[in-house]
Amino acid sequence: MSTPARPKPSDPEWDGDDRDLDAVGLAAHFAEYARRTSRPAGDDAGRDGDQRRAIGAWLDELIAELERDAGDARS
């Protein structure tokens, strides 16, 4: 059985191993966010609710960034 070809990113900003939108890339992005904001993550998260709030805040920031980028592209 052959290995499927890796999909090409539609946005060159996400091209490259350090900016891959796979599980590893997203985990690295979240870990960077947690370090930058001093949010609990991984083993440091404490209670489940702490980590869920951190993930929610990170997703809010990520979505806002993507919306800004989409707006800039339309301008």
PDB file of N, CA and C in Angstrom:
ATOM      1  N   MET A   1       0.845  -1.169   0.000  1.00  0.00           N
ATOM      2  CA  MET A   1       0.000   0.000   0.000  1.00  0.00           C
ATOM      3  C   MET A   1       0.892   1.235   0.000  1.00  0.00           C
ATOM      4  N   SER A   2       0.580   2.185  -0.872  1.00  0.00           N
ATOM      5  CA  SER A   2       1.407   3.381  -0.964  1.00  0.00           C
ATOM      6  C   SER A   2       0.984   4.420   0.072  1.00  0.00           C
ATOM      7  N   THR A   3       1.910   5.249   0.434  1.00  0.00           N
ATOM      8  CA  THR A   3       1.649   6.325   1.381  1.00  0.00           C
ATOM      9  C   THR A   3       1.047   7.497   0.624  1.00  0.00           C
ATOM     10  N   PRO A   4      -0.052   8.073   1.117  1.00  0.00           N
ATOM     11  CA  PRO A   4      -0.637   9.211   0.409  1.00  0.00           C
ATOM     12  C   PRO A   4       0.311  10.409   0.437  1.00  0.00           C
ATOM     13  N   ALA A   5       0.240  11.198  -0.610  1.00  0.00           N
ATOM     14  CA  ALA A   5       1.079  12.392  -0.690  1.00  0.00           C
ATOM     15  C   ALA A   5       0.640  13.398   0.367  1.00  0.00           C
ATOM     16  N   ARG A   6       1.604  14.093   0.900  1.00  0.00           N
ATOM     17  CA  ARG A   6       1.294  15.121   1.895  1.00  0.00           C
ATOM     18  C   ARG A   6       0.610  16.288   1.195  1.00  0.00           C
ATOM     19  N   PRO A   7      -0.513  16.765   1.724  1.00  0.00           N
ATOM     20  CA  PRO A   7      -1.206  17.873   1.070  1.00  0.00           C
ATOM     21  C   PRO A   7      -0.372  19.147   1.108  1.00  0.00           C
ATOM     22  N   LYS A   8      -0.516  19.929   0.089  1.00  0.00           N
ATOM     23  CA  LYS A   8       0.191  21.204   0.020  1.00  0.00           C
ATOM     24  C   LYS A   8      -0.628  22.268   0.750  1.00  0.00           C
ATOM     25  N   PRO A   9       0.004  23.081   1.580  1.00  0.00           N
ATOM     26  CA  PRO A   9      -0.738  24.135   2.261  1.00  0.00           C
ATOM     27  C   PRO A   9      -1.189  25.184   1.259  1.00  0.00           C
ATOM     28  N   SER A  10      -2.374  25.742   1.461  1.00  0.00           N
ATOM     29  CA  SER A  10      -2.873  26.768   0.555  1.00  0.00           C
ATOM     30  C   SER A  10      -2.256  28.120   0.872  1.00  0.00           C
ATOM     31  N   ASP A  11      -1.746  28.283   2.071  1.00  0.00           N
ATOM     32  CA  ASP A  11      -1.153  29.543   2.489  1.00  0.00           C
ATOM     33  C   ASP A  11       0.335  29.321   2.723  1.00  0.00           C
ATOM     34  N   PRO A  12       1.198  30.032   1.997  1.00  0.00           N
ATOM     35  CA  PRO A  12       2.635  29.813   2.175  1.00  0.00           C
ATOM     36  C   PRO A  12       3.115  30.087   3.597  1.00  0.00           C
ATOM     37  N   GLU A  13       2.369  30.881   4.368  1.00  0.00           N
ATOM     38  CA  GLU A  13       2.745  31.158   5.752  1.00  0.00           C
ATOM     39  C   GLU A  13       2.800  29.875   6.574  1.00  0.00           C
ATOM     40  N   TRP A  14       1.979  28.880   6.211  1.00  0.00           N
ATOM     41  CA  TRP A  14       1.936  27.626   6.969  1.00  0.00           C
ATOM     42  C   TRP A  14       2.828  26.557   6.354  1.00  0.00           C
ATOM     43  N   ASP A  15       3.622  26.925   5.364  1.00  0.00           N
ATOM     44  CA  ASP A  15       4.520  25.969   4.732  1.00  0.00           C
ATOM     45  C   ASP A  15       5.757  25.780   5.604  1.00  0.00           C
ATOM     46  N   GLY A  16       6.235  24.574   5.679  1.00  0.00           N
ATOM     47  CA  GLY A  16       7.440  24.281   6.451  1.00  0.00           C
ATOM     48  C   GLY A  16       7.116  23.434   7.661  1.00  0.00           C
ATOM     49  N   ASP A  17       8.094  22.670   8.092  1.00  0.00           N
ATOM     50  CA  ASP A  17       7.878  21.737   9.196  1.00  0.00           C
ATOM     51  C   ASP A  17       7.537  22.426  10.504  1.00  0.00           C
ATOM     52  N   ASP A  18       8.004  23.658  10.706  1.00  0.00           N
ATOM     53  CA  ASP A  18       7.746  24.329  11.974  1.00  0.00           C
ATOM     54  C   ASP A  18       6.361  24.972  12.032  1.00  0.00           C
ATOM     55  N   ARG A  19       5.634  24.956  10.942  1.00  0.00           N
ATOM     56  CA  ARG A  19       4.310  25.581  10.921  1.00  0.00           C
ATOM     57  C   ARG A  19       3.257  24.648  10.342  1.00  0.00           C
ATOM     58  N   ASP A  20       3.364  23.398  10.633  1.00  0.00           N
ATOM     59  CA  ASP A  20       2.471  22.392  10.078  1.00  0.00           C
ATOM     60  C   ASP A  20       1.194  22.318  10.904  1.00  0.00           C
ATOM     61  N   LEU A  21       0.040  22.315  10.246  1.00  0.00           N
ATOM     62  CA  LEU A  21      -1.243  22.259  10.943  1.00  0.00           C
ATOM     63  C   LEU A  21      -1.672  20.826  11.204  1.00  0.00           C
ATOM     64  N   ASP A  22      -0.781  20.026  11.703  1.00  0.00           N
ATOM     65  CA  ASP A  22      -1.155  18.692  12.140  1.00  0.00           C
ATOM     66  C   ASP A  22      -1.167  18.695  13.663  1.00  0.00           C
ATOM     67  N   ALA A  23      -1.425  17.561  14.251  1.00  0.00           N
ATOM     68  CA  ALA A  23      -1.531  17.497  15.716  1.00  0.00           C
ATOM     69  C   ALA A  23      -0.250  17.964  16.398  1.00  0.00           C
ATOM     70  N   VAL A  24       0.896  17.597  15.849  1.00  0.00           N
ATOM     71  CA  VAL A  24       2.165  18.008  16.452  1.00  0.00           C
ATOM     72  C   VAL A  24       2.338  19.519  16.342  1.00  0.00           C
ATOM     73  N   GLY A  25       2.013  20.068  15.187  1.00  0.00           N
ATOM     74  CA  GLY A  25       2.128  21.510  14.992  1.00  0.00           C
ATOM     75  C   GLY A  25       1.195  22.290  15.899  1.00  0.00           C
ATOM     76  N   LEU A  26      -0.042  21.817  16.021  1.00  0.00           N
ATOM     77  CA  LEU A  26      -0.992  22.497  16.903  1.00  0.00           C
ATOM     78  C   LEU A  26      -0.575  22.387  18.360  1.00  0.00           C
ATOM     79  N   ALA A  27      -0.060  21.232  18.761  1.00  0.00           N
ATOM     80  CA  ALA A  27       0.404  21.066  20.141  1.00  0.00           C
ATOM     81  C   ALA A  27       1.572  22.004  20.426  1.00  0.00           C
ATOM     82  N   ALA A  28       2.475  22.139  19.478  1.00  0.00           N
ATOM     83  CA  ALA A  28       3.607  23.051  19.659  1.00  0.00           C
ATOM     84  C   ALA A  28       3.125  24.492  19.740  1.00  0.00           C
ATOM     85  N   HIS A  29       2.146  24.847  18.918  1.00  0.00           N
ATOM     86  CA  HIS A  29       1.587  26.201  18.933  1.00  0.00           C
ATOM     87  C   HIS A  29       0.924  26.475  20.281  1.00  0.00           C
ATOM     88  N   PHE A  30       0.176  25.509  20.806  1.00  0.00           N
ATOM     89  CA  PHE A  30      -0.469  25.676  22.111  1.00  0.00           C
ATOM     90  C   PHE A  30       0.574  25.782  23.220  1.00  0.00           C
ATOM     91  N   ALA A  31       1.611  24.958  23.158  1.00  0.00           N
ATOM     92  CA  ALA A  31       2.660  25.002  24.185  1.00  0.00           C
ATOM     93  C   ALA A  31       3.349  26.366  24.186  1.00  0.00           C
ATOM     94  N   GLU A  32       3.590  26.924  23.002  1.00  0.00           N
ATOM     95  CA  GLU A  32       4.197  28.257  22.913  1.00  0.00           C
ATOM     96  C   GLU A  32       3.267  29.297  23.520  1.00  0.00           C
ATOM     97  N   TYR A  33       1.970  29.193  23.223  1.00  0.00           N
ATOM     98  CA  TYR A  33       0.984  30.113  23.794  1.00  0.00           C
ATOM     99  C   TYR A  33       0.967  29.997  25.318  1.00  0.00           C
ATOM    100  N   ALA A  34       0.982  28.772  25.825  1.00  0.00           N
ATOM    101  CA  ALA A  34       0.946  28.558  27.275  1.00  0.00           C
ATOM    102  C   ALA A  34       2.178  29.163  27.944  1.00  0.00           C
ATOM    103  N   ARG A  35       3.342  29.008  27.328  1.00  0.00           N
ATOM    104  CA  ARG A  35       4.566  29.618  27.883  1.00  0.00           C
ATOM    105  C   ARG A  35       4.475  31.140  27.849  1.00  0.00           C
ATOM    106  N   ARG A  36       4.015  31.682  26.725  1.00  0.00           N
ATOM    107  CA  ARG A  36       3.952  33.135  26.548  1.00  0.00           C
ATOM    108  C   ARG A  36       2.975  33.783  27.513  1.00  0.00           C
ATOM    109  N   THR A  37       1.872  33.117  27.791  1.00  0.00           N
ATOM    110  CA  THR A  37       0.827  33.705  28.638  1.00  0.00           C
ATOM    111  C   THR A  37       0.841  33.170  30.058  1.00  0.00           C
ATOM    112  N   SER A  38       1.763  32.287  30.357  1.00  0.00           N
ATOM    113  CA  SER A  38       1.838  31.636  31.681  1.00  0.00           C
ATOM    114  C   SER A  38       0.549  30.894  32.018  1.00  0.00           C
ATOM    115  N   ARG A  39      -0.092  30.342  30.993  1.00  0.00           N
ATOM    116  CA  ARG A  39      -1.296  29.526  31.188  1.00  0.00           C
ATOM    117  C   ARG A  39      -0.887  28.101  31.519  1.00  0.00           C
ATOM    118  N   PRO A  40      -1.696  27.393  32.305  1.00  0.00           N
ATOM    119  CA  PRO A  40      -1.372  25.996  32.598  1.00  0.00           C
ATOM    120  C   PRO A  40      -1.571  25.120  31.357  1.00  0.00           C
ATOM    121  N   ALA A  41      -0.651  24.194  31.151  1.00  0.00           N
ATOM    122  CA  ALA A  41      -0.751  23.278  30.008  1.00  0.00           C
ATOM    123  C   ALA A  41      -0.071  21.972  30.366  1.00  0.00           C
ATOM    124  N   GLY A  42      -0.510  20.905  29.759  1.00  0.00           N
ATOM    125  CA  GLY A  42       0.122  19.604  29.968  1.00  0.00           C
ATOM    126  C   GLY A  42       0.113  19.189  31.425  1.00  0.00           C
ATOM    127  N   ASP A  43       1.230  18.691  31.891  1.00  0.00           N
ATOM    128  CA  ASP A  43       1.331  18.216  33.272  1.00  0.00           C
ATOM    129  C   ASP A  43       1.211  19.347  34.284  1.00  0.00           C
ATOM    130  N   ASP A  44       1.453  20.585  33.853  1.00  0.00           N
ATOM    131  CA  ASP A  44       1.366  21.741  34.745  1.00  0.00           C
ATOM    132  C   ASP A  44      -0.058  22.262  34.893  1.00  0.00           C
ATOM    133  N   ALA A  45      -1.014  21.638  34.223  1.00  0.00           N
ATOM    134  CA  ALA A  45      -2.361  22.191  34.138  1.00  0.00           C
ATOM    135  C   ALA A  45      -3.141  22.105  35.438  1.00  0.00           C
ATOM    136  N   GLY A  46      -2.786  21.208  36.315  1.00  0.00           N
ATOM    137  CA  GLY A  46      -3.558  21.085  37.549  1.00  0.00           C
ATOM    138  C   GLY A  46      -4.890  20.435  37.272  1.00  0.00           C
ATOM    139  N   ARG A  47      -5.954  21.127  37.598  1.00  0.00           N
ATOM    140  CA  ARG A  47      -7.303  20.600  37.362  1.00  0.00           C
ATOM    141  C   ARG A  47      -7.637  20.635  35.874  1.00  0.00           C
ATOM    142  N   ASP A  48      -8.554  19.741  35.462  1.00  0.00           N
ATOM    143  CA  ASP A  48      -8.977  19.702  34.053  1.00  0.00           C
ATOM    144  C   ASP A  48      -9.547  21.035  33.596  1.00  0.00           C
ATOM    145  N   GLY A  49     -10.283  21.701  34.466  1.00  0.00           N
ATOM    146  CA  GLY A  49     -10.886  22.976  34.094  1.00  0.00           C
ATOM    147  C   GLY A  49      -9.857  24.029  33.735  1.00  0.00           C
ATOM    148  N   ASP A  50      -8.701  24.012  34.408  1.00  0.00           N
ATOM    149  CA  ASP A  50      -7.640  24.970  34.098  1.00  0.00           C
ATOM    150  C   ASP A  50      -7.135  24.778  32.677  1.00  0.00           C
ATOM    151  N   GLN A  51      -6.885  23.534  32.315  1.00  0.00           N
ATOM    152  CA  GLN A  51      -6.385  23.260  30.976  1.00  0.00           C
ATOM    153  C   GLN A  51      -7.454  23.569  29.928  1.00  0.00           C
ATOM    154  N   ARG A  52      -8.689  23.257  30.222  1.00  0.00           N
ATOM    155  CA  ARG A  52      -9.764  23.556  29.254  1.00  0.00           C
ATOM    156  C   ARG A  52      -9.893  25.055  29.029  1.00  0.00           C
ATOM    157  N   ARG A  53      -9.793  25.836  30.092  1.00  0.00           N
ATOM    158  CA  ARG A  53      -9.851  27.295  29.933  1.00  0.00           C
ATOM    159  C   ARG A  53      -8.657  27.797  29.127  1.00  0.00           C
ATOM    160  N   ALA A  54      -7.491  27.216  29.374  1.00  0.00           N
ATOM    161  CA  ALA A  54      -6.298  27.609  28.619  1.00  0.00           C
ATOM    162  C   ALA A  54      -6.463  27.277  27.140  1.00  0.00           C
ATOM    163  N   ILE A  55      -6.976  26.095  26.842  1.00  0.00           N
ATOM    164  CA  ILE A  55      -7.195  25.706  25.445  1.00  0.00           C
ATOM    165  C   ILE A  55      -8.243  26.613  24.805  1.00  0.00           C
ATOM    166  N   GLY A  56      -9.311  26.920  25.531  1.00  0.00           N
ATOM    167  CA  GLY A  56     -10.338  27.816  25.004  1.00  0.00           C
ATOM    168  C   GLY A  56      -9.787  29.197  24.696  1.00  0.00           C
ATOM    169  N   ALA A  57      -8.979  29.740  25.597  1.00  0.00           N
ATOM    170  CA  ALA A  57      -8.383  31.060  25.375  1.00  0.00           C
ATOM    171  C   ALA A  57      -7.429  31.029  24.184  1.00  0.00           C
ATOM    172  N   TRP A  58      -6.658  29.948  24.066  1.00  0.00           N
ATOM    173  CA  TRP A  58      -5.740  29.811  22.940  1.00  0.00           C
ATOM    174  C   TRP A  58      -6.514  29.742  21.624  1.00  0.00           C
ATOM    175  N   LEU A  59      -7.583  28.958  21.601  1.00  0.00           N
ATOM    176  CA  LEU A  59      -8.382  28.855  20.376  1.00  0.00           C
ATOM    177  C   LEU A  59      -9.007  30.198  20.020  1.00  0.00           C
ATOM    178  N   ASP A  60      -9.483  30.938  21.020  1.00  0.00           N
ATOM    179  CA  ASP A  60     -10.028  32.275  20.761  1.00  0.00           C
ATOM    180  C   ASP A  60      -8.979  33.167  20.106  1.00  0.00           C
ATOM    181  N   GLU A  61      -7.758  33.126  20.645  1.00  0.00           N
ATOM    182  CA  GLU A  61      -6.680  33.943  20.086  1.00  0.00           C
ATOM    183  C   GLU A  61      -6.323  33.487  18.678  1.00  0.00           C
ATOM    184  N   LEU A  62      -6.255  32.185  18.467  1.00  0.00           N
ATOM    185  CA  LEU A  62      -5.917  31.641  17.154  1.00  0.00           C
ATOM    186  C   LEU A  62      -6.977  32.021  16.120  1.00  0.00           C
ATOM    187  N   ILE A  63      -8.243  31.916  16.482  1.00  0.00           N
ATOM    188  CA  ILE A  63      -9.331  32.274  15.566  1.00  0.00           C
ATOM    189  C   ILE A  63      -9.284  33.760  15.242  1.00  0.00           C
ATOM    190  N   ALA A  64      -9.067  34.599  16.255  1.00  0.00           N
ATOM    191  CA  ALA A  64      -8.983  36.044  16.025  1.00  0.00           C
ATOM    192  C   ALA A  64      -7.829  36.373  15.078  1.00  0.00           C
ATOM    193  N   GLU A  65      -6.700  35.693  15.253  1.00  0.00           N
ATOM    194  CA  GLU A  65      -5.549  35.909  14.380  1.00  0.00           C
ATOM    195  C   GLU A  65      -5.871  35.494  12.947  1.00  0.00           C
ATOM    196  N   LEU A  66      -6.530  34.362  12.779  1.00  0.00           N
ATOM    197  CA  LEU A  66      -6.907  33.902  11.440  1.00  0.00           C
ATOM    198  C   LEU A  66      -7.912  34.848  10.794  1.00  0.00           C
ATOM    199  N   GLU A  67      -8.855  35.367  11.580  1.00  0.00           N
ATOM    200  CA  GLU A  67      -9.831  36.316  11.043  1.00  0.00           C
ATOM    201  C   GLU A  67      -9.151  37.616  10.621  1.00  0.00           C
ATOM    202  N   ARG A  68      -8.183  38.090  11.414  1.00  0.00           N
ATOM    203  CA  ARG A  68      -7.430  39.292  11.037  1.00  0.00           C
ATOM    204  C   ARG A  68      -6.674  39.054   9.739  1.00  0.00           C
ATOM    205  N   ASP A  69      -6.019  37.896   9.648  1.00  0.00           N
ATOM    206  CA  ASP A  69      -5.266  37.575   8.438  1.00  0.00           C
ATOM    207  C   ASP A  69      -6.183  37.495   7.220  1.00  0.00           C
ATOM    208  N   ALA A  70      -7.362  36.913   7.395  1.00  0.00           N
ATOM    209  CA  ALA A  70      -8.318  36.815   6.287  1.00  0.00           C
ATOM    210  C   ALA A  70      -8.798  38.203   5.881  1.00  0.00           C
ATOM    211  N   GLY A  71      -9.033  39.065   6.855  1.00  0.00           N
ATOM    212  CA  GLY A  71      -9.445  40.438   6.565  1.00  0.00           C
ATOM    213  C   GLY A  71      -8.356  41.209   5.843  1.00  0.00           C
ATOM    214  N   ASP A  72      -7.103  41.018   6.255  1.00  0.00           N
ATOM    215  CA  ASP A  72      -5.979  41.682   5.597  1.00  0.00           C
ATOM    216  C   ASP A  72      -5.832  41.207   4.159  1.00  0.00           C
ATOM    217  N   ALA A  73      -6.089  39.935   3.915  1.00  0.00           N
ATOM    218  CA  ALA A  73      -5.968  39.379   2.569  1.00  0.00           C
ATOM    219  C   ALA A  73      -7.046  39.945   1.645  1.00  0.00           C
ATOM    220  N   ARG A  74      -8.201  40.262   2.215  1.00  0.00           N
ATOM    221  CA  ARG A  74      -9.299  40.816   1.410  1.00  0.00           C
ATOM    222  C   ARG A  74      -9.068  42.285   1.085  1.00  0.00           C
ATOM    223  N   SER A  75      -8.267  42.966   1.872  1.00  0.00           N
ATOM    224  CA  SER A  75      -8.047  44.416   1.678  1.00  0.00           C
ATOM    225  C   SER A  75      -7.166  44.706   0.494  1.00  0.00           C
TER     226      SER A  75
END
